[in-house]
Structure formats: C-alpha cells, structure tokens
Amino acid sequence: MSDNPLPNTSPISIGEVRRLAAALCDDTISPDDFLALQHAIKQSPESRAAYLEIRRVHAGLLWRSRRSRRVDDVDVTTAAPHRVGASKPAGGFERPSPPPRVYWAHSVGVAIGALACALLLAFGVSHWRSARDTPGVAAESVAKIVNGSEGCRLFIGGVSAELHQPIELRPDEEVCLLSGSIYVRFSSGVQSAVLAPAVFTPRSPLSVDMAEGRLTADVGELGHGFTVDTLEVQVVDLGTVFGVSASSDRGTEVVVFDGEVDIKPPKRRDGPPVPFTAKRVHTGEGVEIDRFSGVAPLASFVSADYVLPDEHFTQQIKRSGRVIASVSDNLIRDEEASYFYEIVASGMCEDAVAYADRGYHQWNGVDAAGMPQYLRGADFVRGFSNLKGMSSFEMYVSVKQPCTLYVLFDDRVPTPAWLAEGFVNTGDKIGLDEGPHVDERNRVLRRKFPGLGPGKSIDQTFTIWKKDVTSPGVVTCGANAANGGYKQMYGVAAAPLPESGA
C-alpha cells in the first residue's frame, strides 16, 4: 500500500499547505486534500515546516479561546496565584497545579505534536530509508543520539528508532521524541539533553531548530556560538550551560545555568515580528518569550525540568513528589533584572549549591553526622544571596500539597518578627560552605575550594525554623531583618507532611 502513488501528485504551494493544515487542525479536511497534504509534506521540507507552523499557531489560538471561556470557572480560593515557571510534559510525569486552562492547553500541544509525528511516520518512511540507503545522498552527520532514558519513544524522519546503539543524525533530519529523554552529542562537542514531548532538527554541528520540547546544552570550550532557534527566539551561546523550552501554548523559556547567551528575534520568513530587541542573559537569569508580547523575566522554574547532559545519561527522569510549585517576590523585574528562583525538587543533600547567584556556596551538615534527616531529599529554593540586605523584601512560596516549610536563617542576623511569629525554632543547625569569594567580574578575592561532605569547610551556621502548612497555598517570607542585616540570605526548603495516621 505504501508504494502506491497518491491520486494527486501535483506540487502545491506553501500557501495551499497552510490552508490544508488549518483544515486538518479544524477537522474539516476532505480525503483528497488530506492525501495532497501528506504528499506535500513527504516531498518538501518547506511544506513540512509550514505544516508545523500552522499547528503551533492553531494550538495557541485554541488555548487563548479556551482561557477566556474558562477563566470564570476557576475557583480562585484554591488556584495557585503564582504560575509555575515551566510546565511539565505528559507521559506519566507529574503536572504542576495552576488553573485547569494550563492543563488543557498543554494537552492540546502534546496531542498536536503527536499528530505531527504520526503524519511523518505515515508518509515519510520510504523517503527517509531511500535517502539513507542511497550511496552519495547522505550528508555527514552533525550530531549523535548517544543514549536515552528507559521507555523513550523516538522517530527520526518518520521512522521508529531503537537506541540499542548510538544513532547518527544528519543535517535537517527531524527528530520526534514522544516520551522519555535522550542525550545528544553534536560533532562540535556540544552536549545536550532533550526531554519529551519534543520535535527538533539539527541543522549543523553548531545549530538546532526546536519546534517543541525542552533542551539543555552544555556547550564547552569548542561549541562557542551554538544556536537554538525556536518560533519565538534565536538563542546564541557565549560559552554556557543553558536550557530552552519551546511550547506551542506557552512560548519559549530560556534559562542560563552558567555563562551567558544572547537572545535575538527569530529568523522567520513569515508571520508578524516578535516584539523585542536582542539582549544578553547571564548566569542565574531566565526569560520567557511570547511571539505576541515579547520578553518577560522568568520568576522561577523547576530544575528537574532541565536535565544536565553527560555520558551517563541513562536514568529515567524522576518527576513525582514535588512540593514547591512556584516562587516569586515583590521586586519589580525588567530587562535589567531577570534573575530566577530555581526550585530543586527533592534535591536537598550534602554539598547542594545554596544560591542561584553564588555557584560555590553549599549547604552541609555542621558535623560528620550530616544535615538533619528531615531535610534530606526535600525540595529547596536557590534564591539570591544579593537580596540579603534588602529590608523591604518579601518572598512568596506557593506549595502544592500539605508540607512542612523550613527557613534556614543565618545565626549572625537578628531574628525578624515574621520568622519568630510565624515559624517554630527547631534548635537544629545547618552549615554553609562559602567556598571562594569572587567579585562581579569573577575576580577571586578568597582562594578556598569547597569541602566535600558534611562537617567539612563550614564557614557559617544557620538555624532551622519550620512551619506546618496543612493545605495548598502561598506562604509569605519577609526580609532578612528589619534593620537590613546582610550577612547571608536565608534558604527555604519543604517536605511533605506525613499522611494522616502515618
């Protein structure tokens, strides 16, 4: 059946591809038009790109329509007032708890993404195989899928692929990841991890198009200039570890873990221009880009939504049990202030990095016994050490389930009223290993490497305060001290309350 010619093999214009794609999204396409669309996408990368563009726009419009119709249905007494910085993919992974419209929108994006993969599978198999099997046709590979998580489902050029051994990727070969996660190494040396659901296309050893999904890149010394293109933005590396999340219903999110990137308007040949100018994003900063409203600072994100790539990337990503939904504050963010709060799900442990803007400061037990057992494996927030002297500061921690919220407070700072009145002093301590001290230009002011493990190289001690939160909601934490005490900023962690009767 697959070798029979289609009834109508006449080429159609890109405009006609868009029209037929829109009809398919609306479920009004005729059988003949469906076959014509299949043939066009099989024969032309431009037609395939036009189809993917239409289904992304369609998902966005549906989401906006659904949002306006459903907003009155949301119970504002239970909905979390602070949006999670990054949505979670489908496929068995736990979802965050914003209003239902976000769930619905993400489901639409996933469903349409799966449809795109199914179409490519339906009419791309013979074309892809012939190109790979014909001598002299295949180009040199630009990347390699080294391995993947358990249960990942993968299609390359429409063909189901099994990761029994590394798979070479050639220029412009589209990869559709339906579930799981994969480790991709570019021939430039760039290492990347991709989380499903995802559709991406390597273009060269230094560039990739990301239509859907979440990618983390560790660029290294040889990958300077590595570029990720999405519908909303072009991200250009300047020596970085960074993450990009492309979503048909939520735009693009960019976070920088180390180094800096330039974000630029996308190089698109059609559609309205994205309303923003190029800017540089630095370590600890994150932005969201929407094709209609431009760039906005990212208040918080969940680090588990981005997986740092390495040679041993084989584990299934753990997504369950998260307590902290989102974090925000009362600061006014603009293009000059894009720092994000990093929510480290189940990440509290010895040598955990304490602050988003201090790469060497680490939490540790004060002695060889280690940190208290109740903190181990808790969610915690990487905030900003630089906020330690801001007397009018407030932090809003949104939790998604009953929990104990912990505040780790510097013993050198006077206890503020909000902490003494709203929390209980446990009497337990945790240590901070500050490591080397550097200035804003990364000049080393103190040469001291962090110790490994509990009780090693402890510079400061913090008292652990706690508050039981019996239902989902928002907890407000105040400033370090009313007098602007600034020794070190406090930390925040959360662990689930034991179930009733436990």
Protein backbone atom coordinates (compact mmCIF):
# COMPACT_ATOMS: atom_id res chain seq x y z
CA MET A 1 0.00 0.00 0.00
CA SER A 2 2.76 2.46 0.90
CA ASP A 3 4.34 2.09 -2.58
CA ASN A 4 1.19 3.09 -4.49
CA PRO A 5 1.24 6.60 -5.94
CA LEU A 6 -1.04 9.18 -4.41
CA PRO A 7 -4.05 10.18 -6.56
CA ASN A 8 -2.78 13.74 -6.96
CA THR A 9 0.99 14.22 -7.15
CA SER A 10 0.94 17.78 -8.49
CA PRO A 11 3.01 20.12 -6.32
CA ILE A 12 1.06 22.60 -4.21
CA SER A 13 2.11 25.99 -2.95
CA ILE A 14 3.18 26.76 0.62
CA GLY A 15 0.02 28.82 0.95
CA GLU A 16 -2.06 25.80 0.00
CA VAL A 17 -0.14 23.67 2.51
CA ARG A 18 -1.06 26.16 5.21
CA ARG A 19 -4.71 26.12 4.15
CA LEU A 20 -4.86 22.33 4.20
CA ALA A 21 -3.01 22.18 7.52
CA ALA A 22 -5.54 24.57 9.04
CA ALA A 23 -8.37 22.43 7.68
CA LEU A 24 -6.76 19.35 9.22
CA CYS A 25 -6.48 21.08 12.61
CA ASP A 26 -10.15 22.08 12.37
CA ASP A 27 -11.17 18.56 11.28
CA THR A 28 -12.71 19.89 8.05
CA ILE A 29 -10.23 18.46 5.54
CA SER A 30 -11.51 16.24 2.72
CA PRO A 31 -9.96 12.84 1.97
CA ASP A 32 -8.39 14.08 -1.28
CA ASP A 33 -6.96 17.17 0.42
CA PHE A 34 -5.58 15.00 3.20
CA LEU A 35 -3.71 12.87 0.65
CA ALA A 36 -2.42 16.01 -1.07
CA LEU A 37 -1.15 17.36 2.25
CA GLN A 38 0.55 14.04 3.00
CA HIS A 39 2.30 14.11 -0.36
CA ALA A 40 3.42 17.72 0.05
CA ILE A 41 4.95 17.12 3.47
CA LYS A 42 6.68 13.99 2.23
CA GLN A 43 8.27 15.78 -0.72
CA SER A 44 9.19 19.17 0.73
CA PRO A 45 10.95 20.27 3.94
CA GLU A 46 9.41 23.72 3.40
CA SER A 47 5.93 22.18 3.36
CA ARG A 48 6.71 20.23 6.50
CA ALA A 49 7.88 23.41 8.24
CA ALA A 50 4.73 25.24 7.11
CA TYR A 51 2.56 22.45 8.50
CA LEU A 52 4.30 22.51 11.87
CA GLU A 53 3.97 26.31 11.98
CA ILE A 54 0.21 26.13 11.39
CA ARG A 55 -0.40 23.50 14.04
CA ARG A 56 1.61 25.57 16.59
CA VAL A 57 -0.41 28.70 15.83
CA HIS A 58 -3.62 26.68 15.93
CA ALA A 59 -2.76 25.34 19.39
CA GLY A 60 -2.01 28.85 20.64
CA LEU A 61 -5.29 30.25 19.34
CA LEU A 62 -7.26 27.38 20.81
CA TRP A 63 -5.57 27.93 24.16
CA ARG A 64 -6.40 31.64 24.19
CA SER A 65 -10.01 30.90 23.26
CA ARG A 66 -10.28 28.24 25.94
CA ARG A 67 -8.63 30.51 28.51
CA SER A 68 -11.14 33.34 28.03
CA ARG A 69 -14.03 30.92 28.25
CA ARG A 70 -12.76 29.02 31.29
CA VAL A 71 -11.36 31.82 33.42
CA ASP A 72 -14.67 32.34 35.24
CA ASP A 73 -14.80 28.64 36.06
CA VAL A 74 -11.59 28.72 38.11
CA ASP A 75 -12.05 28.56 41.87
CA VAL A 76 -9.84 31.48 42.90
CA THR A 77 -9.86 30.30 46.51
CA THR A 78 -7.84 27.21 45.61
CA ALA A 79 -5.96 28.14 42.44
CA ALA A 80 -2.29 28.94 42.99
CA PRO A 81 -1.77 32.69 42.45
CA HIS A 82 1.77 32.29 41.13
CA ARG A 83 2.32 30.48 37.87
CA VAL A 84 4.96 27.78 37.67
CA GLY A 85 7.82 28.92 35.50
CA ALA A 86 7.87 25.77 33.34
CA SER A 87 5.12 23.29 32.57
CA LYS A 88 5.76 19.55 32.83
CA PRO A 89 5.42 17.19 29.88
CA ALA A 90 2.95 14.37 29.59
CA GLY A 91 3.77 10.68 29.63
CA GLY A 92 3.47 9.79 33.29
CA PHE A 93 5.22 12.86 34.63
CA GLU A 94 3.52 14.83 37.36
CA ARG A 95 1.93 18.13 36.38
CA PRO A 96 2.01 21.36 38.40
CA SER A 97 -1.13 22.88 39.84
CA PRO A 98 -2.12 26.09 38.06
CA PRO A 99 -5.71 26.63 36.88
CA PRO A 100 -7.19 23.96 34.57
CA ARG A 101 -6.70 26.04 31.41
CA VAL A 102 -2.97 25.35 31.53
CA TYR A 103 -3.54 21.60 31.70
CA TRP A 104 -5.88 21.78 28.72
CA ALA A 105 -3.56 23.94 26.69
CA HIS A 106 -0.60 21.68 27.27
CA SER A 107 -2.66 18.64 26.32
CA VAL A 108 -3.57 20.31 23.03
CA GLY A 109 0.09 21.00 22.29
CA VAL A 110 1.08 17.42 23.11
CA ALA A 111 -1.78 15.95 21.08
CA ILE A 112 -1.00 18.03 18.01
CA GLY A 113 2.71 17.25 18.39
CA ALA A 114 1.86 13.56 18.43
CA LEU A 115 -0.26 14.08 15.30
CA ALA A 116 2.70 15.67 13.54
CA CYS A 117 4.87 12.69 14.41
CA ALA A 118 2.15 10.28 13.28
CA LEU A 119 1.82 12.04 9.92
CA LEU A 120 5.56 11.99 9.39
CA LEU A 121 5.58 8.29 10.23
CA ALA A 122 2.72 7.60 7.83
CA PHE A 123 4.28 9.12 4.74
CA GLY A 124 7.98 9.57 5.48
CA VAL A 125 9.26 6.02 5.96
CA SER A 126 10.16 5.08 2.40
CA HIS A 127 11.55 8.56 1.65
CA TRP A 128 13.83 8.54 4.71
CA ARG A 129 15.04 4.98 4.15
CA SER A 130 15.83 5.59 0.49
CA ALA A 131 17.81 8.73 1.34
CA ARG A 132 19.81 6.88 3.99
CA ASP A 133 20.40 3.80 1.81
CA THR A 134 21.33 5.58 -1.42
CA PRO A 135 25.11 5.96 -1.86
CA GLY A 136 26.24 9.55 -2.20
CA VAL A 137 22.97 11.02 -0.93
CA ALA A 138 23.54 11.12 2.82
CA ALA A 139 25.43 14.05 4.27
CA GLU A 140 27.97 13.76 7.05
CA SER A 141 26.38 13.51 10.47
CA VAL A 142 26.20 16.64 12.61
CA ALA A 143 25.08 15.01 15.86
CA LYS A 144 24.65 11.66 17.54
CA ILE A 145 21.95 10.34 19.88
CA VAL A 146 24.17 8.56 22.39
CA ASN A 147 21.55 7.04 24.66
CA GLY A 148 18.20 7.65 26.28
CA SER A 149 16.07 7.01 29.33
CA GLU A 150 14.08 3.88 29.88
CA GLY A 151 10.86 3.86 27.88
CA CYS A 152 11.74 6.62 25.43
CA ARG A 153 9.85 6.52 22.08
CA LEU A 154 11.75 8.04 19.21
CA PHE A 155 11.18 8.72 15.50
CA ILE A 156 13.80 10.01 13.07
CA GLY A 157 12.49 11.26 9.74
CA GLY A 158 9.25 9.45 10.48
CA VAL A 159 10.89 6.09 11.21
CA SER A 160 10.72 4.47 14.63
CA ALA A 161 14.22 4.21 16.10
CA GLU A 162 15.56 1.93 18.84
CA LEU A 163 18.51 3.08 20.94
CA HIS A 164 20.39 -0.20 21.06
CA GLN A 165 23.43 1.74 19.86
CA PRO A 166 24.18 5.42 19.10
CA ILE A 167 22.30 6.91 16.15
CA GLU A 168 23.95 9.39 13.80
CA LEU A 169 21.89 12.46 12.84
CA ARG A 170 22.45 14.17 9.51
CA PRO A 171 21.68 17.81 8.70
CA ASP A 172 17.95 18.63 8.58
CA GLU A 173 16.82 15.23 9.90
CA GLU A 174 13.80 15.85 12.08
CA VAL A 175 13.64 14.01 15.40
CA CYS A 176 10.34 13.40 17.18
CA LEU A 177 10.59 12.26 20.81
CA LEU A 178 7.20 11.09 22.10
CA SER A 179 8.26 10.03 25.59
CA GLY A 180 11.32 9.87 27.79
CA SER A 181 14.58 11.73 27.33
CA ILE A 182 17.70 11.43 25.16
CA TYR A 183 21.32 12.51 25.31
CA VAL A 184 22.51 14.13 22.06
CA ARG A 185 26.15 14.99 21.36
CA PHE A 186 26.87 17.35 18.46
CA SER A 187 30.03 16.88 16.39
CA SER A 188 31.18 20.31 17.62
CA GLY A 189 31.45 18.82 21.11
CA VAL A 190 28.21 20.37 22.41
CA GLN A 191 26.38 18.02 24.77
CA SER A 192 22.61 18.26 25.10
CA ALA A 193 19.71 16.53 26.80
CA VAL A 194 16.21 16.61 25.28
CA LEU A 195 13.01 15.85 27.19
CA ALA A 196 9.76 14.71 25.59
CA PRO A 197 7.45 15.59 24.04
CA ALA A 198 9.86 17.16 21.57
CA VAL A 199 10.33 17.89 17.87
CA PHE A 200 13.78 19.17 16.89
CA THR A 201 16.02 19.32 13.82
CA PRO A 202 19.83 19.54 13.94
CA ARG A 203 20.97 21.91 11.19
CA SER A 204 24.73 21.86 11.69
CA PRO A 205 27.29 20.96 14.36
CA LEU A 206 26.52 24.35 15.93
CA SER A 207 22.77 24.81 15.40
CA VAL A 208 19.43 23.14 16.04
CA ASP A 209 15.79 24.09 15.43
CA MET A 210 13.49 23.37 18.38
CA ALA A 211 9.80 23.21 17.43
CA GLU A 212 8.64 21.59 20.67
CA GLY A 213 10.19 20.28 23.85
CA ARG A 214 12.91 21.05 26.35
CA LEU A 215 16.65 21.07 25.63
CA THR A 216 19.61 21.61 27.95
CA ALA A 217 23.00 22.32 26.36
CA ASP A 218 26.48 22.14 27.88
CA VAL A 219 28.47 23.93 25.21
CA GLY A 220 32.04 23.56 26.42
CA GLU A 221 35.09 25.29 25.02
CA LEU A 222 34.66 24.24 21.38
CA GLY A 223 30.96 24.97 20.98
CA HIS A 224 31.04 28.75 21.31
CA GLY A 225 28.27 30.19 19.14
CA PHE A 226 25.97 27.16 19.40
CA THR A 227 22.49 28.35 18.35
CA VAL A 228 18.98 27.15 19.19
CA ASP A 229 16.14 28.50 17.04
CA THR A 230 12.50 28.37 18.14
CA LEU A 231 9.38 30.02 16.80
CA GLU A 232 9.83 32.98 19.15
CA VAL A 233 13.58 33.45 19.60
CA GLN A 234 17.11 32.67 18.49
CA VAL A 235 19.43 31.73 21.38
CA VAL A 236 23.16 32.14 20.70
CA ASP A 237 25.63 30.68 23.19
CA LEU A 238 28.60 32.63 24.51
CA GLY A 239 30.21 29.78 26.47
CA THR A 240 27.39 28.39 28.54
CA VAL A 241 25.25 25.77 30.18
CA PHE A 242 21.69 26.81 29.34
CA GLY A 243 18.19 25.46 28.82
CA VAL A 244 15.50 26.19 26.24
CA SER A 245 11.86 25.13 26.49
CA ALA A 246 9.69 25.54 23.37
CA SER A 247 5.95 25.09 23.74
CA SER A 248 3.09 25.62 21.32
CA ASP A 249 0.92 27.10 24.07
CA ARG A 250 3.42 28.89 26.33
CA GLY A 251 6.06 30.32 24.00
CA THR A 252 9.78 29.87 24.72
CA GLU A 253 11.61 29.86 28.04
CA VAL A 254 15.38 30.41 28.31
CA VAL A 255 17.38 29.81 31.50
CA VAL A 256 21.15 30.22 31.95
CA PHE A 257 22.83 27.96 34.50
CA ASP A 258 26.39 29.09 33.83
CA GLY A 259 27.86 31.70 31.46
CA GLU A 260 25.74 33.85 29.17
CA VAL A 261 23.70 33.76 25.96
CA ASP A 262 22.36 36.32 23.53
CA ILE A 263 18.67 36.14 22.68
CA LYS A 264 17.58 37.62 19.36
CA PRO A 265 14.36 37.87 17.36
CA PRO A 266 13.86 34.68 15.34
CA LYS A 267 14.95 34.41 11.74
CA ARG A 268 11.49 33.72 10.34
CA ARG A 269 10.42 34.27 6.78
CA ASP A 270 6.76 34.82 7.56
CA GLY A 271 4.43 35.85 10.36
CA PRO A 272 4.46 39.00 12.49
CA PRO A 273 7.77 40.12 14.01
CA VAL A 274 8.33 39.20 17.65
CA PRO A 275 8.26 42.50 19.61
CA PHE A 276 11.64 42.59 21.34
CA THR A 277 15.23 43.63 20.80
CA ALA A 278 18.30 41.48 21.30
CA LYS A 279 19.62 41.19 24.86
CA ARG A 280 22.18 39.23 26.84
CA VAL A 281 21.12 36.78 29.56
CA HIS A 282 23.62 35.86 32.28
CA THR A 283 24.15 33.14 34.89
CA GLY A 284 21.12 32.81 37.16
CA GLU A 285 18.83 34.70 34.78
CA GLY A 286 15.83 33.45 32.85
CA VAL A 287 13.33 34.93 30.40
CA GLU A 288 10.07 33.98 28.73
CA ILE A 289 9.41 35.00 25.13
CA ASP A 290 5.91 35.15 23.70
CA ARG A 291 5.53 35.89 20.00
CA PHE A 292 2.75 38.39 20.74
CA SER A 293 4.02 40.19 23.86
CA GLY A 294 7.80 39.84 23.67
CA VAL A 295 10.25 39.18 26.53
CA ALA A 296 9.44 38.96 30.24
CA PRO A 297 11.70 37.94 33.17
CA LEU A 298 11.22 34.42 34.47
CA ALA A 299 10.34 34.48 38.18
CA SER A 300 11.03 30.81 38.94
CA PHE A 301 11.49 27.43 37.34
CA VAL A 302 11.88 23.81 38.41
CA SER A 303 15.40 22.50 37.86
CA ALA A 304 14.10 18.94 37.35
CA ASP A 305 12.52 20.19 34.13
CA TYR A 306 16.05 20.56 32.75
CA VAL A 307 18.50 17.67 32.83
CA LEU A 308 22.20 18.39 32.55
CA PRO A 309 23.66 16.15 29.82
CA ASP A 310 26.57 13.78 30.45
CA GLU A 311 27.95 10.49 29.21
CA HIS A 312 25.97 8.54 31.82
CA PHE A 313 22.58 9.94 30.89
CA THR A 314 20.56 6.74 31.17
CA GLN A 315 18.31 7.19 34.18
CA GLN A 316 14.56 7.74 33.95
CA ILE A 317 13.82 11.32 34.97
CA LYS A 318 12.06 11.49 38.35
CA ARG A 319 9.13 13.87 38.36
CA SER A 320 6.88 12.92 41.26
CA GLY A 321 6.52 14.19 44.79
CA ARG A 322 7.27 17.85 44.21
CA VAL A 323 6.06 20.13 47.00
CA ILE A 324 7.02 23.67 45.95
CA ALA A 325 5.02 24.80 42.93
CA SER A 326 6.50 28.25 42.34
CA VAL A 327 8.35 31.13 43.97
CA SER A 328 8.05 34.87 43.38
CA ASP A 329 8.76 38.10 45.24
CA ASN A 330 7.74 41.76 45.50
CA LEU A 331 10.61 43.05 43.37
CA ILE A 332 9.94 44.79 40.08
CA ARG A 333 11.60 42.84 37.28
CA ASP A 334 12.57 44.42 33.99
CA GLU A 335 15.12 43.84 31.26
CA GLU A 336 17.89 44.67 33.72
CA ALA A 337 16.68 42.24 36.40
CA SER A 338 15.93 38.74 35.08
CA TYR A 339 17.16 36.55 37.93
CA PHE A 340 15.07 33.45 38.57
CA TYR A 341 14.39 31.30 41.61
CA GLU A 342 15.45 27.73 40.99
CA ILE A 343 13.21 25.12 42.60
CA VAL A 344 15.31 22.00 43.17
CA ALA A 345 12.80 19.17 43.51
CA SER A 346 13.85 16.52 46.07
CA GLY A 347 17.33 17.99 45.83
CA MET A 348 18.41 18.91 49.37
CA CYS A 349 21.60 16.99 50.16
CA GLU A 350 25.18 17.46 51.26
CA ASP A 351 27.07 19.93 49.03
CA ALA A 352 23.86 21.24 47.42
CA VAL A 353 24.52 24.66 45.86
CA ALA A 354 22.64 27.17 48.02
CA TYR A 355 22.14 30.25 45.80
CA ALA A 356 21.45 30.93 42.14
CA ASP A 357 23.96 33.79 42.16
CA ARG A 358 26.72 32.07 44.18
CA GLY A 359 27.98 28.97 42.43
CA TYR A 360 30.27 27.80 45.26
CA HIS A 361 28.12 28.35 48.37
CA GLN A 362 26.91 24.93 49.54
CA TRP A 363 24.60 23.54 52.22
CA ASN A 364 26.19 20.94 54.51
CA GLY A 365 25.71 19.32 57.88
CA VAL A 366 27.63 21.17 60.58
CA ASP A 367 29.47 17.99 61.61
CA ALA A 368 30.11 14.47 60.38
CA ALA A 369 26.55 13.40 61.31
CA GLY A 370 25.28 15.45 58.38
CA MET A 371 22.23 17.64 57.94
CA PRO A 372 19.01 16.68 59.77
CA GLN A 373 17.26 13.69 58.24
CA TYR A 374 14.04 15.63 57.62
CA LEU A 375 15.86 17.97 55.22
CA ARG A 376 17.43 15.24 53.12
CA GLY A 377 15.58 14.88 49.83
CA ALA A 378 13.39 17.92 50.49
CA ASP A 379 12.57 20.46 47.80
CA PHE A 380 14.59 23.62 48.23
CA VAL A 381 14.83 27.05 46.64
CA ARG A 382 18.01 28.51 45.20
CA GLY A 383 17.45 32.20 45.84
CA PHE A 384 19.77 35.18 45.62
CA SER A 385 22.49 35.99 48.10
CA ASN A 386 22.43 39.57 46.82
CA LEU A 387 18.98 40.11 48.38
CA LYS A 388 20.35 39.69 51.90
CA GLY A 389 20.39 43.43 52.63
CA MET A 390 17.01 44.39 51.15
CA SER A 391 14.84 45.38 54.14
CA SER A 392 11.54 45.66 52.21
CA PHE A 393 11.86 42.26 50.55
CA GLU A 394 9.10 39.60 50.54
CA MET A 395 9.19 36.10 49.06
CA TYR A 396 6.02 34.18 48.14
CA VAL A 397 6.35 30.39 48.23
CA SER A 398 3.47 28.51 46.60
CA VAL A 399 3.12 24.90 47.80
CA LYS A 400 1.00 22.30 46.05
CA GLN A 401 0.37 19.91 48.95
CA PRO A 402 0.43 19.83 52.76
CA CYS A 403 4.02 20.21 53.88
CA THR A 404 6.49 21.46 56.44
CA LEU A 405 8.16 24.63 55.19
CA TYR A 406 11.67 25.23 56.53
CA VAL A 407 13.58 28.51 56.69
CA LEU A 408 17.36 28.27 57.13
CA PHE A 409 18.37 31.52 58.83
CA ASP A 410 21.87 32.94 59.34
CA ASP A 411 22.83 32.88 63.04
CA ARG A 412 24.61 36.23 62.69
CA VAL A 413 21.42 38.06 61.66
CA PRO A 414 18.85 39.20 64.27
CA THR A 415 15.66 37.14 64.10
CA PRO A 416 12.95 39.20 62.33
CA ALA A 417 9.37 39.34 63.60
CA TRP A 418 7.87 37.48 60.61
CA LEU A 419 10.10 34.49 61.37
CA ALA A 420 9.68 34.47 65.16
CA GLU A 421 5.89 34.86 64.95
CA GLY A 422 5.13 32.56 62.02
CA PHE A 423 7.67 29.74 62.43
CA VAL A 424 9.00 27.46 65.16
CA ASN A 425 12.70 27.27 66.03
CA THR A 426 13.70 23.59 65.78
CA GLY A 427 17.00 24.17 67.55
CA ASP A 428 18.76 22.29 64.74
CA LYS A 429 21.56 23.75 62.66
CA ILE A 430 22.82 23.52 59.10
CA GLY A 431 26.14 24.79 57.78
CA LEU A 432 27.14 26.88 54.77
CA ASP A 433 30.43 26.23 52.99
CA GLU A 434 31.07 29.52 51.17
CA GLY A 435 33.97 28.32 49.03
CA PRO A 436 35.94 31.00 47.17
CA HIS A 437 34.82 34.62 47.13
CA VAL A 438 34.68 36.42 43.77
CA ASP A 439 33.59 39.91 42.73
CA GLU A 440 31.14 40.92 39.99
CA ARG A 441 33.93 40.50 37.42
CA ASN A 442 34.69 36.96 38.63
CA ARG A 443 37.99 38.07 40.16
CA VAL A 444 38.95 35.76 43.02
CA LEU A 445 39.01 37.56 46.38
CA ARG A 446 39.45 34.45 48.53
CA ARG A 447 41.02 31.22 47.32
CA LYS A 448 39.21 28.43 49.11
CA PHE A 449 37.72 25.37 47.49
CA PRO A 450 34.54 23.87 48.95
CA GLY A 451 34.92 20.77 51.08
CA LEU A 452 33.21 17.50 50.21
CA GLY A 453 30.63 16.05 52.55
CA PRO A 454 29.23 17.04 55.95
CA GLY A 455 31.23 18.96 58.52
CA LYS A 456 33.93 19.98 56.05
CA SER A 457 34.94 23.59 55.48
CA ILE A 458 31.89 25.09 57.23
CA ASP A 459 32.07 28.90 57.24
CA GLN A 460 28.67 29.86 58.72
CA THR A 461 25.86 28.19 60.66
CA PHE A 462 22.12 28.65 60.14
CA THR A 463 19.24 27.82 62.47
CA ILE A 464 16.41 25.74 61.00
CA TRP A 465 12.91 27.13 61.54
CA LYS A 466 9.74 25.30 60.47
CA LYS A 467 6.06 25.90 59.75
CA ASP A 468 3.43 23.23 59.04
CA VAL A 469 1.27 24.14 56.04
CA THR A 470 -1.87 21.99 56.10
CA SER A 471 -3.26 22.79 52.64
CA PRO A 472 -2.01 24.05 49.27
CA GLY A 473 -1.45 27.78 49.23
CA VAL A 474 1.09 30.59 49.45
CA VAL A 475 3.41 31.30 52.38
CA THR A 476 4.97 34.76 52.68
CA CYS A 477 8.52 35.13 53.98
CA GLY A 478 9.92 38.55 54.77
CA ALA A 479 13.29 40.29 54.70
CA ASN A 480 16.47 39.12 56.37
CA ALA A 481 15.99 41.66 59.17
CA ALA A 482 14.15 44.92 59.79
CA ASN A 483 17.46 46.74 60.01
CA GLY A 484 18.66 45.37 56.70
CA GLY A 485 21.01 42.76 58.18
CA TYR A 486 23.00 41.34 55.31
CA LYS A 487 25.36 38.57 56.44
CA GLN A 488 23.74 35.86 54.29
CA MET A 489 20.32 35.41 52.73
CA TYR A 490 18.10 32.74 54.24
CA GLY A 491 17.25 29.49 52.50
CA VAL A 492 13.86 27.81 52.02
CA ALA A 493 13.05 24.09 51.85
CA ALA A 494 9.87 22.00 52.01
CA ALA A 495 8.99 18.36 52.66
CA PRO A 496 5.56 16.66 52.57
CA LEU A 497 3.66 16.31 55.81
CA PRO A 498 3.24 12.67 56.87
CA GLU A 499 -0.10 11.27 55.76
CA SER A 500 -2.81 11.11 58.40
CA GLY A 501 -2.33 8.07 60.59
CA ALA A 502 1.24 7.54 59.42
